[in-house]
Protein backbone atom coordinates (compact mmCIF):
# COMPACT_ATOMS: atom_id res chain seq x y z
CA MET A 1 23.75 2.18 12.05
CA LYS A 2 22.04 -0.95 12.83
CA ILE A 3 18.59 -1.52 11.58
CA LEU A 4 16.83 -4.32 11.77
CA ILE A 5 13.02 -4.55 10.16
CA ALA A 6 10.31 -7.29 11.32
CA GLN A 7 7.64 -8.03 8.84
CA ASP A 8 5.78 -11.18 8.69
CA PHE A 9 5.89 -12.20 4.90
CA LEU A 10 7.26 -11.12 2.08
CA ARG A 11 3.36 -11.53 0.11
CA SER A 12 3.01 -9.30 -2.47
CA GLY A 13 0.71 -6.43 -0.32
CA GLY A 14 1.38 -2.73 -0.03
CA THR A 15 3.07 -2.73 3.14
CA GLU A 16 5.61 -5.50 2.21
CA ARG A 17 6.56 -3.72 -0.58
CA GLN A 18 7.41 -0.99 1.25
CA SER A 19 9.02 -3.05 3.84
CA VAL A 20 11.67 -3.99 0.91
CA LEU A 21 11.72 -0.90 -0.41
CA LEU A 22 13.03 0.55 2.63
CA ALA A 23 15.28 -2.05 3.74
CA ASN A 24 16.95 -1.77 -0.01
CA ALA A 25 17.02 1.80 0.42
CA PHE A 26 18.69 1.76 4.01
CA ALA A 27 21.47 -0.84 3.02
CA ALA A 28 22.37 1.45 -0.26
CA ALA A 29 22.62 4.54 2.38
CA GLY A 30 25.07 2.51 3.91
CA HIS A 31 23.55 1.09 7.17
CA THR A 32 23.76 -3.04 7.99
CA VAL A 33 20.19 -3.86 7.35
CA THR A 34 18.27 -7.04 8.29
CA LEU A 35 15.18 -8.00 6.83
CA LEU A 36 13.68 -10.67 9.43
CA THR A 37 10.18 -12.31 8.41
CA PHE A 38 8.25 -14.76 10.16
CA ARG A 39 7.64 -17.23 7.13
CA PRO A 40 10.43 -17.76 4.59
CA GLY A 41 9.52 -17.06 0.58
CA GLY A 42 7.07 -15.03 -0.43
CA ALA A 43 6.05 -13.09 -3.76
CA LEU A 44 8.67 -10.73 -2.86
CA ALA A 45 11.29 -12.94 -1.79
CA GLY A 46 13.44 -11.93 -4.53
CA THR A 47 13.14 -8.57 -4.45
CA VAL A 48 15.23 -8.01 -1.46
CA ALA A 49 18.79 -6.54 -2.24
CA PRO A 50 22.08 -8.64 -1.93
CA GLY A 51 23.42 -6.03 0.90
CA VAL A 52 20.15 -6.87 2.82
CA LEU A 53 20.55 -9.64 5.50
CA ARG A 54 17.88 -12.22 5.50
CA ARG A 55 16.63 -14.08 8.46
CA VAL A 56 14.08 -16.10 8.63
CA LEU A 57 12.15 -17.72 11.67
CA GLN A 58 9.92 -20.48 10.39
CA PRO A 59 12.03 -23.78 9.33
CA PHE A 60 9.61 -24.10 6.62
CA ASP A 61 6.39 -22.44 5.40
CA LEU A 62 3.78 -23.42 7.74
CA GLY A 63 0.96 -20.58 6.30
CA LEU A 64 0.84 -19.22 9.94
CA ASP A 65 1.79 -15.28 9.68
CA TRP A 66 1.62 -15.05 13.63
CA LEU A 67 3.92 -17.65 14.53
CA ALA A 68 7.03 -16.34 15.23
CA PRO A 69 9.29 -18.75 17.06
CA ARG A 70 12.59 -17.25 18.34
CA LEU A 71 11.69 -13.70 17.63
CA VAL A 72 13.15 -12.51 20.77
CA ALA A 73 16.56 -14.63 20.23
CA GLN A 74 17.12 -13.39 16.51
CA ALA A 75 16.29 -9.88 17.62
CA ARG A 76 18.80 -9.91 20.18
CA ALA A 77 21.29 -11.54 17.64
CA ALA A 78 20.64 -8.78 15.35
CA ALA A 79 21.48 -6.23 18.01
CA PRO A 80 19.93 -3.49 16.13
CA ASP A 81 20.41 0.56 16.99
CA VAL A 82 16.64 0.76 15.48
CA LEU A 83 13.83 -1.97 15.04
CA LEU A 84 11.01 -1.15 13.03
CA CYS A 85 7.82 -3.06 13.27
CA MET A 86 6.05 -3.62 9.99
CA GLY A 87 2.56 -5.17 9.70
CA ARG A 88 0.08 -6.18 12.34
CA MET A 89 2.05 -9.50 13.21
CA ALA A 90 5.29 -7.58 13.77
CA ASN A 91 3.60 -4.90 15.17
CA CYS A 92 1.81 -7.14 17.89
CA TYR A 93 5.00 -8.25 19.02
CA ALA A 94 6.50 -4.66 19.14
CA GLY A 95 6.00 -4.02 22.87
CA ARG A 96 7.12 -7.63 24.05
CA LEU A 97 10.30 -6.64 21.55
CA GLN A 98 10.98 -3.31 23.37
CA ARG A 99 10.93 -4.65 26.87
CA ALA A 100 13.46 -7.53 25.84
CA LEU A 101 15.60 -4.88 23.86
CA PRO A 102 15.64 -2.04 25.89
CA GLY A 103 19.14 -0.68 24.59
CA SER A 104 17.01 -0.56 21.44
CA VAL A 105 14.79 1.66 19.71
CA VAL A 106 11.84 -0.15 18.65
CA ILE A 107 9.11 1.43 16.34
CA ALA A 108 5.74 0.57 15.84
CA THR A 109 3.83 1.67 12.56
CA MET A 110 0.19 2.46 12.04
CA ARG A 111 -0.74 1.75 7.89
CA THR A 112 -3.82 -0.35 8.80
CA GLY A 113 -7.90 1.00 9.29
CA LYS A 114 -9.01 -1.99 10.50
CA SER A 115 -9.68 -2.29 14.27
CA LEU A 116 -6.14 -3.30 16.43
CA PRO A 117 -5.53 -6.32 18.18
CA ALA A 118 -4.96 -5.79 21.92
CA LEU A 119 -1.43 -6.68 21.64
CA PHE A 120 -0.89 -4.44 18.58
CA ARG A 121 -2.54 -1.43 21.23
CA ALA A 122 -0.46 -2.86 24.25
CA SER A 123 2.83 -2.52 21.73
CA LEU A 124 1.44 1.37 21.16
CA ARG A 125 2.19 2.02 24.78
CA ARG A 126 5.38 0.12 25.30
CA VAL A 127 7.44 1.05 21.83
CA THR A 128 9.83 4.21 21.96
CA HIS A 129 8.13 5.75 18.75
CA ILE A 130 5.18 5.16 16.57
CA VAL A 131 5.30 5.95 12.68
CA ALA A 132 2.23 6.75 11.23
CA ASN A 133 1.85 6.99 7.15
CA SER A 134 -1.00 9.30 6.99
CA ARG A 135 -2.31 12.14 9.11
CA ASP A 136 -5.55 9.85 9.62
CA ALA A 137 -3.22 7.99 10.79
CA ALA A 138 -1.75 9.76 13.74
CA GLU A 139 -4.93 11.40 14.49
CA THR A 140 -6.07 7.71 15.00
CA LEU A 141 -2.94 7.10 17.52
CA SER A 142 -4.22 10.24 19.66
CA ARG A 143 -7.80 9.96 19.17
CA GLU A 144 -8.21 6.24 20.27
CA HIS A 145 -5.47 5.21 21.39
CA ARG A 146 -4.09 8.17 23.57
CA VAL A 147 -0.73 8.14 22.22
CA PRO A 148 1.13 11.28 22.75
CA ALA A 149 1.49 13.96 19.79
CA GLY A 150 4.82 13.67 20.77
CA LYS A 151 5.33 9.91 20.23
CA ILE A 152 3.99 10.12 16.85
CA SER A 153 5.58 10.71 13.47
CA ILE A 154 4.34 11.05 9.87
CA ILE A 155 5.85 9.56 7.28
CA TYR A 156 4.05 8.65 4.04
CA ASN A 157 4.19 5.60 1.88
CA SER A 158 7.16 5.58 -0.91
CA LEU A 159 6.30 4.97 -4.46
CA VAL A 160 7.60 1.67 -5.12
CA PHE A 161 7.94 1.93 -8.93
CA PRO A 162 9.49 5.51 -9.33
CA ALA A 163 11.60 3.97 -12.03
CA GLU A 164 8.81 2.85 -14.35
CA MET A 165 6.86 5.96 -14.47
CA GLY A 166 6.33 7.63 -17.72
CA GLY A 167 6.20 11.32 -17.62
CA GLY A 168 4.45 12.25 -21.33
CA ALA A 169 1.01 11.58 -22.93
CA PRO A 170 -1.68 10.16 -21.29
CA PRO A 171 -1.84 6.22 -22.22
CA ARG A 172 -4.68 6.48 -24.65
CA ARG A 173 -2.69 9.07 -26.70
CA SER A 174 -0.92 6.04 -28.37
CA PRO A 175 -1.30 2.04 -29.09
CA ASN A 176 -1.17 0.06 -26.34
CA PRO A 177 -0.67 -3.79 -26.45
CA LEU A 178 -2.55 -4.32 -23.24
CA ARG A 179 -5.31 -2.62 -24.37
CA ALA A 180 -5.64 -4.51 -27.33
CA ALA A 181 -5.32 -7.73 -25.85
CA HIS A 182 -7.93 -7.24 -23.91
CA GLU A 183 -10.00 -5.84 -26.55
CA ALA A 184 -10.09 -2.25 -25.25
CA ALA A 185 -11.10 0.06 -27.97
CA ASP A 186 -9.57 4.12 -27.74
CA SER A 187 -13.09 4.84 -26.72
CA THR A 188 -13.12 2.45 -23.59
CA THR A 189 -12.36 3.96 -20.37
CA VAL A 190 -10.58 1.09 -18.64
CA LEU A 191 -11.04 1.04 -14.93
CA LEU A 192 -8.22 -0.67 -12.96
CA ASN A 193 -7.65 -2.00 -9.05
CA VAL A 194 -4.58 -3.27 -7.88
CA ALA A 195 -4.64 -5.35 -4.98
CA MET A 196 -4.24 -8.63 -3.64
CA PHE A 197 -7.81 -10.79 -3.60
CA ARG A 198 -8.74 -10.73 -0.05
CA PRO A 199 -11.58 -9.75 1.71
CA GLU A 200 -10.61 -6.36 2.95
CA LYS A 201 -9.81 -5.42 -0.81
CA ASN A 202 -13.56 -5.30 -1.54
CA GLN A 203 -13.20 -6.47 -5.01
CA ARG A 204 -16.61 -7.83 -4.86
CA GLU A 205 -17.97 -4.21 -4.22
CA LEU A 206 -16.47 -2.61 -7.14
CA ILE A 207 -18.17 -5.55 -8.99
CA GLU A 208 -21.33 -4.95 -7.86
CA ILE A 209 -20.75 -1.42 -8.74
CA VAL A 210 -19.71 -1.23 -12.51
CA ALA A 211 -22.43 -3.87 -12.71
CA GLY A 212 -25.25 -0.77 -12.28
CA LEU A 213 -23.44 1.54 -14.59
CA PRO A 214 -25.38 2.84 -17.68
CA GLY A 215 -25.63 0.64 -20.65
CA GLN A 216 -24.12 3.32 -23.05
CA LEU A 217 -21.22 3.76 -21.43
CA ASP A 218 -17.90 2.22 -22.84
CA TRP A 219 -15.68 0.71 -19.74
CA GLN A 220 -13.89 -2.42 -18.93
CA LEU A 221 -12.68 -3.08 -14.97
CA TRP A 222 -9.47 -4.49 -14.96
CA LEU A 223 -8.62 -6.24 -11.44
CA ALA A 224 -4.78 -7.21 -10.76
CA GLY A 225 -4.02 -9.53 -8.60
CA ASP A 226 -4.31 -12.63 -6.95
CA GLY A 227 -5.53 -14.19 -3.50
CA PRO A 228 -8.10 -16.03 -2.02
CA ALA A 229 -10.94 -13.85 -2.50
CA ARG A 230 -10.52 -14.49 -6.01
CA ALA A 231 -12.67 -17.60 -7.18
CA ALA A 232 -15.55 -15.62 -5.46
CA CYS A 233 -14.83 -12.69 -7.77
CA GLU A 234 -14.86 -14.56 -10.50
CA GLN A 235 -18.35 -16.75 -9.91
CA LEU A 236 -19.86 -12.85 -9.02
CA VAL A 237 -18.83 -11.89 -12.53
CA ALA A 238 -20.44 -15.02 -14.34
CA GLN A 239 -23.90 -14.27 -12.49
CA ARG A 240 -23.46 -10.86 -13.35
CA ASN A 241 -23.15 -11.57 -17.12
CA LEU A 242 -19.88 -9.17 -16.66
CA ARG A 243 -17.35 -11.44 -18.18
CA ALA A 244 -16.63 -8.90 -21.25
CA ARG A 245 -16.18 -6.30 -19.14
CA VAL A 246 -14.51 -7.21 -16.00
CA LYS A 247 -11.00 -9.15 -16.48
CA PHE A 248 -8.74 -10.85 -14.11
CA LEU A 249 -5.26 -10.37 -14.72
CA GLY A 250 -3.46 -12.00 -12.26
CA PHE A 251 -0.58 -10.99 -10.14
CA HIS A 252 2.22 -8.61 -11.86
CA ARG A 253 5.71 -8.03 -9.99
CA ASN A 254 5.69 -4.53 -11.36
CA PRO A 255 2.04 -3.18 -12.20
CA GLY A 256 3.41 0.14 -14.18
CA PRO A 257 2.48 -1.49 -17.58
CA LEU A 258 -1.07 -1.60 -16.27
CA TYR A 259 -0.91 1.49 -15.31
CA ARG A 260 -0.18 3.17 -18.30
CA ALA A 261 -2.88 0.96 -20.46
CA ALA A 262 -5.51 1.98 -17.96
CA ASP A 263 -7.79 5.19 -17.09
CA LEU A 264 -8.80 5.82 -13.96
CA ALA A 265 -7.67 3.89 -10.62
CA VAL A 266 -10.98 2.68 -8.55
CA HIS A 267 -10.68 1.73 -5.24
CA ALA A 268 -13.49 0.02 -2.63
CA SER A 269 -11.68 -1.03 0.49
CA TRP A 270 -13.53 0.32 3.89
CA SER A 271 -10.59 -0.79 5.96
CA GLU A 272 -7.49 0.62 3.59
CA ALA A 273 -5.60 2.76 4.85
CA LEU A 274 -3.22 5.24 2.82
CA SER A 275 -3.15 2.91 -0.34
CA ASN A 276 0.04 2.52 -2.47
CA PHE A 277 -2.14 1.80 -5.18
CA LEU A 278 -3.79 5.04 -5.29
CA ILE A 279 -0.67 6.99 -4.84
CA GLU A 280 1.17 4.76 -8.07
CA ALA A 281 -1.95 5.21 -10.03
CA GLN A 282 -1.63 8.86 -9.27
CA ALA A 283 2.25 8.78 -10.11
CA HIS A 284 1.18 7.89 -13.80
CA GLY A 285 -1.50 10.30 -14.50
CA LEU A 286 -4.78 8.32 -13.35
CA LEU A 287 -7.13 10.08 -11.47
CA GLY A 288 -9.23 8.20 -8.53
CA VAL A 289 -12.57 7.15 -7.25
CA ALA A 290 -12.40 5.63 -3.67
CA TYR A 291 -14.60 4.79 -0.85
CA GLU A 292 -13.55 6.81 2.21
CA ALA A 293 -11.16 5.19 4.37
CA GLN A 294 -8.00 6.77 6.94
CA GLY A 295 -5.83 8.00 4.65
CA ILE A 296 -7.58 7.60 1.00
CA ALA A 297 -8.27 11.07 0.84
CA GLU A 298 -4.37 12.17 1.56
CA CYS A 299 -3.90 10.23 -2.09
CA PHE A 300 -4.71 12.44 -3.88
CA LEU A 301 -6.02 16.25 -4.18
CA PRO A 302 -9.93 15.49 -3.44
CA GLY A 303 -12.14 16.61 -6.05
CA ARG A 304 -9.27 17.51 -8.58
CA THR A 305 -7.29 14.58 -8.79
CA GLY A 306 -9.49 12.05 -6.91
CA TRP A 307 -12.95 11.67 -5.69
CA VAL A 308 -13.95 10.32 -2.18
CA ILE A 309 -17.18 8.60 -2.02
CA PRO A 310 -19.14 7.60 1.57
CA ARG A 311 -19.13 4.14 2.26
CA ASN A 312 -21.45 1.90 1.19
CA ASP A 313 -22.89 4.93 -1.19
CA ARG A 314 -22.62 2.80 -4.67
CA ALA A 315 -25.31 5.19 -5.97
CA ALA A 316 -22.25 8.09 -5.78
CA PHE A 317 -19.83 6.11 -6.71
CA ARG A 318 -21.86 5.35 -9.71
CA ALA A 319 -22.29 8.65 -10.39
CA THR A 320 -18.52 9.79 -10.20
CA LEU A 321 -17.57 7.01 -12.59
CA SER A 322 -20.00 8.04 -15.04
CA ARG A 323 -19.15 11.29 -15.17
CA ARG A 324 -15.59 10.63 -15.16
CA ILE A 325 -16.35 8.15 -18.16
CA SER A 326 -18.12 10.72 -20.09
CA GLU A 327 -16.06 13.58 -19.46
CA PRO A 328 -14.40 15.32 -22.24
CA ARG A 329 -10.21 13.95 -22.76
CA SER A 330 -9.11 17.56 -22.39
CA ALA A 331 -10.31 17.73 -19.03
CA HIS A 332 -8.94 14.38 -17.61
CA ASP A 333 -5.20 15.63 -19.30
CA GLU A 334 -5.24 18.87 -16.97
CA ARG A 335 -5.89 16.83 -14.09
CA ALA A 336 -3.67 14.19 -15.19
CA ALA A 337 -0.54 16.33 -14.99
CA ASP A 338 -1.52 17.42 -11.59
CA ALA A 339 -2.01 13.82 -10.15
CA ARG A 340 1.65 12.92 -11.43
CA ALA A 341 2.99 16.22 -9.94
CA TYR A 342 1.51 15.84 -6.80
CA ALA A 343 2.37 12.27 -6.33
CA ARG A 344 6.33 12.33 -7.62
CA THR A 345 6.48 14.69 -4.85
CA THR A 346 4.41 13.91 -1.63
CA PHE A 347 5.48 10.55 -1.94
CA ASP A 348 8.80 10.56 -3.46
CA PRO A 349 10.93 7.45 -2.15
CA ALA A 350 13.93 9.57 -1.53
CA ARG A 351 12.24 11.83 0.73
CA GLN A 352 10.69 9.23 2.95
CA VAL A 353 13.86 7.23 3.14
CA ALA A 354 15.52 10.33 4.56
CA ALA A 355 12.97 11.14 6.98
CA TYR A 356 13.28 7.52 8.27
CA LEU A 357 17.26 7.81 8.64
CA ALA A 358 16.37 11.31 9.78
CA LEU A 359 14.08 9.94 12.70
CA PHE A 360 16.35 6.76 13.47
CA GLY A 361 19.33 9.71 14.28
CA ARG A 362 16.96 11.44 16.19
CA LEU A 363 15.40 8.55 18.46
CA THR A 364 18.89 6.90 19.21
CA SER A 365 20.57 10.04 19.77
CA ARG A 366 17.90 10.93 22.57
CA HIS A 367 17.83 7.07 24.09
CA ARG A 368 21.64 6.55 24.31
CA SER A 369 21.64 9.88 26.38
CA PRO A 370 21.78 9.31 30.15
């Protein structure tokens, strides 16, 4: 099968990681795979497997995610059986691509909780099929965009770092060099967030939340990632006099060591869809506390391995963090085992890749039928 995956840019975000994972896995399964990006380079460019053919539309990086010169010509040249659009910009072009390639199965993806641009909404009507990455996303497609249920498949995000997941005791049980480097004692609860610093990721809200935690609690907040919103967050930490408690760890190509060093995953985005970060955190045995958003409740077992907080309710978020920080370690360990089992089963990469390939097979067979 010839598969073309379209993505605007290989930045370090969750959708981009999913694009690379799928491209590599499809190629490893023996398919002819082309990964086409609008912009060259990106933090994840070096993670694309040699068996994946790379195509780039912009001759040099113009910094414009939406600019896709000769997109239709390149797609036609690839002559794909299946064209999978990943990310908002690629999905905005999905309808145009379906018109230009009537013999190909063009699949849009619903992986965002943000409002959809008009071109994205138009694409939903024109493409062959749509993959939603959560039940919530599928319900949004049906309820808000009137997409027939038969045109939607639900395939969860895959765990990106399955080989890095330790299966043993929680990280506090043994000395950890990362904790030592940041002066986190064995008694310190390390709250972790791994995300690009963009406004929609809402790290500012996490800083405001922890600033109001009771003074007697022993905690640190680790913010891993980089991006345009980082400087403002660092300024806010200084204003709140939290430099000793809030640590900026920068971009980590593989965040596995961070998960193993931390105790609790925290997430405050209001527009996030199914969160790769929360999924990976669960797989490493971290419990999660997150604001309500599309698909968030599907990242964990609500009330057992994670807690969903109503949007803007800082008091409830702080109260939940306080309980988690104060609870006995034995209670945490029991839930951590459930978190690992849930994530590694529900978001298993082999399972998700197989679901995509099975869907591609059904759709291409139907598409070729007279």
